[in-house]
Amino acid sequence: MRCAVVGGGAWGTALSDLLARAGHDVVIWAREPDVVEHINMTHANPRFLAGVTLDPSVRATGDLCGAVRGAELVVQSAPSHVLREVLRTAAPGIGPDAIQAIATKGIEPDSMKLMGDVVSEELPGRAIVALSGPSFAIEVARRQPTAVVAASEDSEASATVQRAFSTPTFRVYTTDDVRGVEVAGAVKNVMAVATGIAEGLGLGLNSRAALITRGLAETTRLGIALGARPETFAGLAGLGDLVLTCTGALSRNRAVGVEVGKGRSLQDILAGTEAVAEGVRNARTTVALATQAGVSMPIAEGVYRVLFESQPPGEAIAELMKRELRAERDE
């Protein structure tokens, strides 16, 4: 297939390499001129995916419309807060039959919309597939066995994406629960910040397990309120991605939480990294979306207060433990 990947960060670069090694014709668009130059000249992206040699057939360009023109499959991997802007720029070059595979996880600020809704509004009539699951970019690029899920209401589109991405080291399952997959992918980053904060405070494995489990319960509540199916949250996009992001040493969101728990200011932490930690932005949007949906999410609310209202992390943990006693499962 002729494939275009929009976004030259770690995930977009890893997916470009994966598609090229699967035999597809791949071009990647990057905003950063140095990323374009390195990919074309040295088959590497040291800025965002250091230590990986890319398939030499991957081509990079700074021309967004040129990158997507003629593509049968367009992979959207720009950060959530700029995705709509990127889509509007790319739209004139995207064909009416081009499948849109969304590799971006998050909730758009202000509108509180998930990425599939944003793509649907900016590219009406195109088939949309959400690609999500436990998948650190560097491990995918190093061809370590990985399993993800492709979600679409268009079964032919999800099957096409499944075939396009599947390799001996990258297994893709399908589902039609787009809402569940997207909610899970966005909220898990907030929960990763929470587990990182606990770790930074010096709390142990009991605390981590409790946060992951109750974080999954909160995420499931929000998803069901938005029309998702509960079983989705027990799958790759839900539990799988949550466990990876909350425990993996490669998780940027967990790492941010660790530093916050140690007492560093959020401003200093973010100033020291170029990579995007979606959990910080998603803490705002998740709490706003939950409020809009009438859903209680005490862990997400605690993360929000710590990050943006200067609540001491230890106090936020104490408040979670002192909440009114209740049954484990919602009736």
Protein backbone atom coordinates (compact mmCIF):
# COMPACT_ATOMS: atom_id res chain seq x y z
CA MET A 1 0.00 0.00 0.00
CA ARG A 2 0.97 3.63 -0.38
CA CYS A 3 1.14 4.82 3.24
CA ALA A 4 1.67 8.25 4.78
CA VAL A 5 2.55 8.77 8.44
CA VAL A 6 1.78 12.22 9.82
CA GLY A 7 4.08 13.07 12.71
CA GLY A 8 7.81 12.49 13.09
CA GLY A 9 7.89 11.72 16.82
CA ALA A 10 8.93 8.39 18.29
CA TRP A 11 5.62 6.61 17.63
CA GLY A 12 5.17 7.92 14.10
CA THR A 13 8.75 6.96 13.27
CA ALA A 14 8.35 3.46 14.69
CA LEU A 15 5.13 2.91 12.74
CA SER A 16 6.77 4.16 9.55
CA ASP A 17 9.55 1.63 9.97
CA LEU A 18 7.05 -1.12 10.77
CA LEU A 19 5.01 -0.43 7.63
CA ALA A 20 8.11 -0.24 5.44
CA ARG A 21 9.41 -3.56 6.76
CA ALA A 22 5.98 -5.04 5.99
CA GLY A 23 6.59 -4.13 2.34
CA HIS A 24 4.59 -0.91 2.01
CA ASP A 25 5.58 2.32 0.27
CA VAL A 26 5.98 4.75 3.17
CA VAL A 27 6.53 8.49 3.48
CA ILE A 28 6.60 10.26 6.85
CA TRP A 29 5.89 13.94 7.43
CA ALA A 30 7.79 15.71 10.18
CA ARG A 31 7.53 19.33 11.26
CA GLU A 32 11.21 19.42 12.28
CA PRO A 33 13.72 19.90 9.40
CA ASP A 34 16.46 18.01 11.23
CA VAL A 35 14.20 14.95 11.58
CA VAL A 36 13.49 15.00 7.84
CA GLU A 37 17.18 15.33 7.04
CA HIS A 38 18.30 12.55 9.37
CA ILE A 39 15.69 10.08 8.14
CA ASN A 40 16.56 10.71 4.50
CA MET A 41 20.33 10.87 4.93
CA THR A 42 21.10 8.44 7.77
CA HIS A 43 17.90 6.34 8.08
CA ALA A 44 17.57 7.36 11.72
CA ASN A 45 15.68 9.77 13.95
CA PRO A 46 18.12 10.53 16.79
CA ARG A 47 15.95 13.38 18.07
CA PHE A 48 12.95 11.20 18.96
CA LEU A 49 13.96 7.55 18.47
CA ALA A 50 17.66 7.28 19.19
CA GLY A 51 19.55 4.06 18.63
CA VAL A 52 17.31 2.67 15.89
CA THR A 53 18.19 2.18 12.23
CA LEU A 54 15.12 2.61 10.06
CA ASP A 55 14.24 0.69 6.94
CA PRO A 56 16.08 2.55 4.14
CA SER A 57 12.92 2.74 2.03
CA VAL A 58 11.25 5.16 4.50
CA ARG A 59 11.19 8.67 3.01
CA ALA A 60 10.66 11.85 5.01
CA THR A 61 9.32 15.21 3.93
CA GLY A 62 8.35 18.57 5.39
CA ASP A 63 5.55 18.95 2.81
CA LEU A 64 2.42 17.76 4.58
CA CYS A 65 0.03 17.82 1.62
CA GLY A 66 2.66 16.18 -0.55
CA ALA A 67 3.14 13.41 2.01
CA VAL A 68 -0.55 12.42 2.17
CA ARG A 69 -1.38 12.91 -1.52
CA GLY A 70 -2.17 9.56 -3.13
CA ALA A 71 -1.90 7.59 0.12
CA GLU A 72 -4.33 4.71 0.61
CA LEU A 73 -3.58 4.65 4.34
CA VAL A 74 -2.82 7.77 6.39
CA VAL A 75 -1.53 7.25 9.92
CA GLN A 76 -2.28 10.22 12.17
CA SER A 77 0.27 10.48 14.99
CA ALA A 78 0.53 14.20 15.72
CA PRO A 79 0.03 15.14 19.41
CA SER A 80 -3.59 15.46 20.50
CA HIS A 81 -3.51 19.21 21.12
CA VAL A 82 -2.38 19.99 17.54
CA LEU A 83 -4.09 17.18 15.65
CA ARG A 84 -6.97 19.32 14.37
CA GLU A 85 -4.58 21.98 13.05
CA VAL A 86 -2.51 19.34 11.27
CA LEU A 87 -5.62 17.72 9.78
CA ARG A 88 -6.83 21.03 8.37
CA THR A 89 -3.49 21.58 6.68
CA ALA A 90 -3.37 18.04 5.30
CA ALA A 91 -7.02 17.82 4.21
CA PRO A 92 -6.56 19.13 0.62
CA GLY A 93 -4.13 16.29 -0.09
CA ILE A 94 -6.08 13.42 1.47
CA GLY A 95 -8.14 11.38 -0.94
CA PRO A 96 -11.80 10.55 -0.23
CA ASP A 97 -11.07 6.83 0.06
CA ALA A 98 -7.94 7.09 2.21
CA ILE A 99 -8.28 5.15 5.48
CA GLN A 100 -7.33 7.19 8.54
CA ALA A 101 -5.50 5.17 11.19
CA ILE A 102 -5.38 7.21 14.40
CA ALA A 103 -2.27 6.51 16.47
CA THR A 104 -2.76 9.59 18.67
CA LYS A 105 -4.21 9.09 22.16
CA GLY A 106 -5.90 11.91 23.99
CA ILE A 107 -8.78 14.32 24.45
CA GLU A 108 -8.82 17.62 22.60
CA PRO A 109 -8.65 20.65 24.90
CA ASP A 110 -11.68 22.97 24.89
CA SER A 111 -13.90 20.69 22.78
CA MET A 112 -13.44 17.62 25.04
CA LYS A 113 -13.58 15.43 21.93
CA LEU A 114 -11.75 12.17 21.38
CA MET A 115 -9.37 11.88 18.44
CA GLY A 116 -11.79 9.92 16.27
CA ASP A 117 -14.36 12.68 16.56
CA VAL A 118 -11.75 15.29 15.64
CA VAL A 119 -10.70 13.35 12.54
CA SER A 120 -14.32 12.72 11.56
CA GLU A 121 -15.10 16.44 11.74
CA GLU A 122 -12.07 17.53 9.73
CA LEU A 123 -12.10 14.65 7.22
CA PRO A 124 -15.77 13.76 6.78
CA GLY A 125 -16.62 10.58 4.96
CA ARG A 126 -13.27 8.85 5.51
CA ALA A 127 -13.03 5.47 7.19
CA ILE A 128 -11.48 5.88 10.66
CA VAL A 129 -9.55 3.25 12.62
CA ALA A 130 -8.16 3.82 16.13
CA LEU A 131 -4.89 1.96 16.70
CA SER A 132 -4.05 1.44 20.37
CA GLY A 133 -2.57 -0.96 22.89
CA PRO A 134 0.54 -1.61 25.01
CA SER A 135 3.32 -0.48 22.70
CA PHE A 136 6.43 1.50 23.55
CA ALA A 137 7.79 2.93 20.30
CA ILE A 138 11.39 1.87 20.90
CA GLU A 139 10.40 -1.77 21.49
CA VAL A 140 8.26 -1.84 18.34
CA ALA A 141 11.17 -0.38 16.35
CA ARG A 142 13.47 -3.04 17.82
CA ARG A 143 10.97 -5.65 16.64
CA GLN A 144 10.08 -7.00 20.07
CA PRO A 145 6.77 -8.94 20.06
CA THR A 146 3.86 -6.53 20.50
CA ALA A 147 0.06 -6.83 20.32
CA VAL A 148 -2.39 -3.96 19.72
CA VAL A 149 -5.98 -3.47 18.61
CA ALA A 150 -7.47 -1.69 15.58
CA ALA A 151 -10.93 -0.28 16.31
CA SER A 152 -13.44 0.83 13.69
CA GLU A 153 -17.15 0.76 12.97
CA ASP A 154 -16.08 -0.08 9.40
CA SER A 155 -15.02 -3.73 9.57
CA GLU A 156 -13.37 -3.61 6.15
CA ALA A 157 -11.23 -0.64 7.22
CA SER A 158 -10.14 -2.27 10.49
CA ALA A 159 -9.28 -5.47 8.60
CA THR A 160 -7.22 -3.46 6.11
CA VAL A 161 -5.28 -1.79 8.93
CA GLN A 162 -4.87 -5.17 10.63
CA ARG A 163 -3.30 -6.66 7.51
CA ALA A 164 -1.18 -3.60 6.77
CA PHE A 165 0.50 -3.49 10.17
CA SER A 166 0.75 -7.19 10.99
CA THR A 167 4.25 -8.67 10.94
CA PRO A 168 5.90 -11.61 12.73
CA THR A 169 6.57 -9.28 15.69
CA PHE A 170 3.51 -6.99 15.59
CA ARG A 171 0.10 -8.61 16.04
CA VAL A 172 -3.10 -6.64 15.46
CA TYR A 173 -6.56 -7.60 16.72
CA THR A 174 -9.80 -5.86 15.69
CA THR A 175 -12.87 -4.50 17.46
CA ASP A 176 -15.75 -2.18 16.65
CA ASP A 177 -15.68 -0.40 20.05
CA VAL A 178 -13.92 2.77 18.94
CA ARG A 179 -15.16 4.77 21.92
CA GLY A 180 -13.83 2.28 24.44
CA VAL A 181 -10.43 2.02 22.79
CA GLU A 182 -10.05 5.80 22.62
CA VAL A 183 -11.18 6.47 26.20
CA ALA A 184 -8.81 3.80 27.49
CA GLY A 185 -5.90 5.21 25.48
CA ALA A 186 -6.42 8.74 26.76
CA VAL A 187 -7.08 8.09 30.44
CA LYS A 188 -4.29 5.53 31.00
CA ASN A 189 -1.76 8.35 30.70
CA VAL A 190 -3.35 10.16 33.65
CA MET A 191 -3.23 6.98 35.72
CA ALA A 192 0.44 6.56 34.81
CA VAL A 193 1.14 10.00 36.25
CA ALA A 194 -0.69 8.91 39.41
CA THR A 195 1.39 5.74 39.84
CA GLY A 196 4.54 7.73 39.16
CA ILE A 197 3.61 10.22 41.89
CA ALA A 198 3.14 7.35 44.35
CA GLU A 199 6.53 5.94 43.39
CA GLY A 200 8.16 9.35 43.77
CA LEU A 201 6.70 9.55 47.28
CA GLY A 202 8.43 6.28 48.12
CA LEU A 203 5.26 4.21 48.24
CA GLY A 204 5.49 0.53 47.36
CA LEU A 205 3.93 -2.12 45.16
CA ASN A 206 0.71 -2.35 47.17
CA SER A 207 0.00 1.30 46.38
CA ARG A 208 0.85 0.86 42.70
CA ALA A 209 -1.45 -2.17 42.37
CA ALA A 210 -4.29 -0.30 44.07
CA LEU A 211 -3.91 2.74 41.80
CA ILE A 212 -3.81 0.62 38.63
CA THR A 213 -6.86 -1.40 39.64
CA ARG A 214 -8.96 1.54 40.81
CA GLY A 215 -7.71 3.57 37.86
CA LEU A 216 -9.09 0.91 35.56
CA ALA A 217 -12.42 1.10 37.39
CA GLU A 218 -12.55 4.88 36.88
CA THR A 219 -11.64 4.58 33.22
CA THR A 220 -14.30 1.92 32.68
CA ARG A 221 -16.95 4.10 34.37
CA LEU A 222 -16.15 7.00 32.07
CA GLY A 223 -16.09 4.79 28.99
CA ILE A 224 -19.47 3.22 29.74
CA ALA A 225 -20.97 6.67 30.33
CA LEU A 226 -19.73 7.65 26.87
CA GLY A 227 -21.15 4.56 25.17
CA ALA A 228 -18.25 2.11 25.34
CA ARG A 229 -18.52 -1.58 26.18
CA PRO A 230 -17.08 -2.68 29.55
CA GLU A 231 -15.21 -5.69 28.13
CA THR A 232 -13.00 -3.40 26.04
CA PHE A 233 -11.31 -2.17 29.22
CA ALA A 234 -10.18 -5.71 30.06
CA GLY A 235 -8.38 -5.96 26.71
CA LEU A 236 -5.21 -4.67 25.09
CA ALA A 237 -6.30 -1.05 24.80
CA GLY A 238 -7.54 -1.02 28.39
CA LEU A 239 -5.78 -3.19 30.96
CA GLY A 240 -2.86 -3.99 28.66
CA ASP A 241 -1.91 -0.39 27.93
CA LEU A 242 -2.65 0.72 31.48
CA VAL A 243 -0.29 -1.82 33.04
CA LEU A 244 2.47 -1.01 30.56
CA THR A 245 2.25 2.75 31.02
CA CYS A 246 1.96 2.58 34.81
CA THR A 247 4.86 0.16 35.36
CA GLY A 248 7.22 0.48 32.38
CA ALA A 249 10.52 2.29 32.83
CA LEU A 250 10.07 3.78 29.33
CA SER A 251 6.80 5.53 30.23
CA ARG A 252 7.16 9.33 29.96
CA ASN A 253 3.94 9.87 31.91
CA ARG A 254 5.06 7.69 34.79
CA ALA A 255 8.46 9.43 34.78
CA VAL A 256 6.80 12.85 35.07
CA GLY A 257 4.77 11.58 38.01
CA VAL A 258 7.87 10.24 39.76
CA GLU A 259 9.53 13.66 39.60
CA VAL A 260 6.37 15.39 40.83
CA GLY A 261 6.22 12.96 43.74
CA LYS A 262 9.81 13.83 44.60
CA GLY A 263 8.84 17.47 44.90
CA ARG A 264 9.98 18.97 41.59
CA SER A 265 7.76 21.57 39.94
CA LEU A 266 5.84 20.57 36.83
CA GLN A 267 7.31 23.53 34.94
CA ASP A 268 10.88 22.39 35.62
CA ILE A 269 10.10 18.80 34.71
CA LEU A 270 8.51 19.65 31.37
CA ALA A 271 11.26 22.14 30.52
CA GLY A 272 13.77 19.31 30.63
CA THR A 273 12.13 17.10 28.02
CA GLU A 274 11.13 17.54 24.40
CA ALA A 275 8.93 14.46 24.27
CA VAL A 276 5.22 14.97 24.93
CA ALA A 277 3.76 13.60 28.18
CA GLU A 278 0.09 13.39 27.20
CA GLY A 279 -0.96 12.55 30.75
CA VAL A 280 -0.32 16.11 31.87
CA ARG A 281 -2.67 17.60 29.28
CA ASN A 282 -5.11 14.73 29.66
CA ALA A 283 -5.41 15.31 33.41
CA ARG A 284 -7.25 18.54 32.61
CA THR A 285 -9.37 17.13 29.83
CA THR A 286 -10.21 13.86 31.57
CA VAL A 287 -11.52 15.63 34.66
CA ALA A 288 -13.50 18.07 32.51
CA LEU A 289 -14.96 15.25 30.41
CA ALA A 290 -15.85 13.22 33.52
CA THR A 291 -17.57 16.25 35.06
CA GLN A 292 -19.49 16.78 31.84
CA ALA A 293 -20.54 13.11 31.85
CA GLY A 294 -21.40 13.09 35.56
CA VAL A 295 -18.77 10.44 36.38
CA SER A 296 -16.72 10.25 39.59
CA MET A 297 -12.96 9.89 38.93
CA PRO A 298 -11.19 10.58 42.24
CA ILE A 299 -7.72 9.46 41.09
CA ALA A 300 -7.82 11.65 37.99
CA GLU A 301 -9.13 14.52 40.10
CA GLY A 302 -6.26 14.02 42.55
CA VAL A 303 -3.70 14.13 39.73
CA TYR A 304 -5.29 17.35 38.48
CA ARG A 305 -5.06 19.00 41.89
CA VAL A 306 -1.42 18.00 42.32
CA LEU A 307 -0.38 19.17 38.85
CA PHE A 308 -2.40 22.37 38.56
CA GLU A 309 -3.59 23.41 42.02
CA SER A 310 -0.36 22.81 43.98
CA GLN A 311 -1.85 20.19 46.27
CA PRO A 312 0.96 18.26 48.03
CA PRO A 313 1.15 14.73 46.54
CA GLY A 314 1.06 13.08 49.96
CA GLU A 315 -2.12 14.94 50.82
CA ALA A 316 -3.77 13.78 47.58
CA ILE A 317 -2.96 10.14 48.39
CA ALA A 318 -4.31 10.57 51.92
CA GLU A 319 -7.56 11.99 50.58
CA LEU A 320 -8.02 8.94 48.33
CA MET A 321 -7.57 6.62 51.31
CA LYS A 322 -10.04 8.56 53.51
CA ARG A 323 -12.89 8.60 50.98
CA GLU A 324 -16.25 7.22 52.09
CA LEU A 325 -16.26 3.43 52.23
CA ARG A 326 -18.17 1.69 49.45
CA ALA A 327 -18.59 -1.55 47.51
CA GLU A 328 -15.86 -2.42 45.03
CA ARG A 329 -18.13 -2.75 42.02
CA ASP A 330 -20.61 -0.15 40.82
CA GLU A 331 -24.20 -1.34 40.95
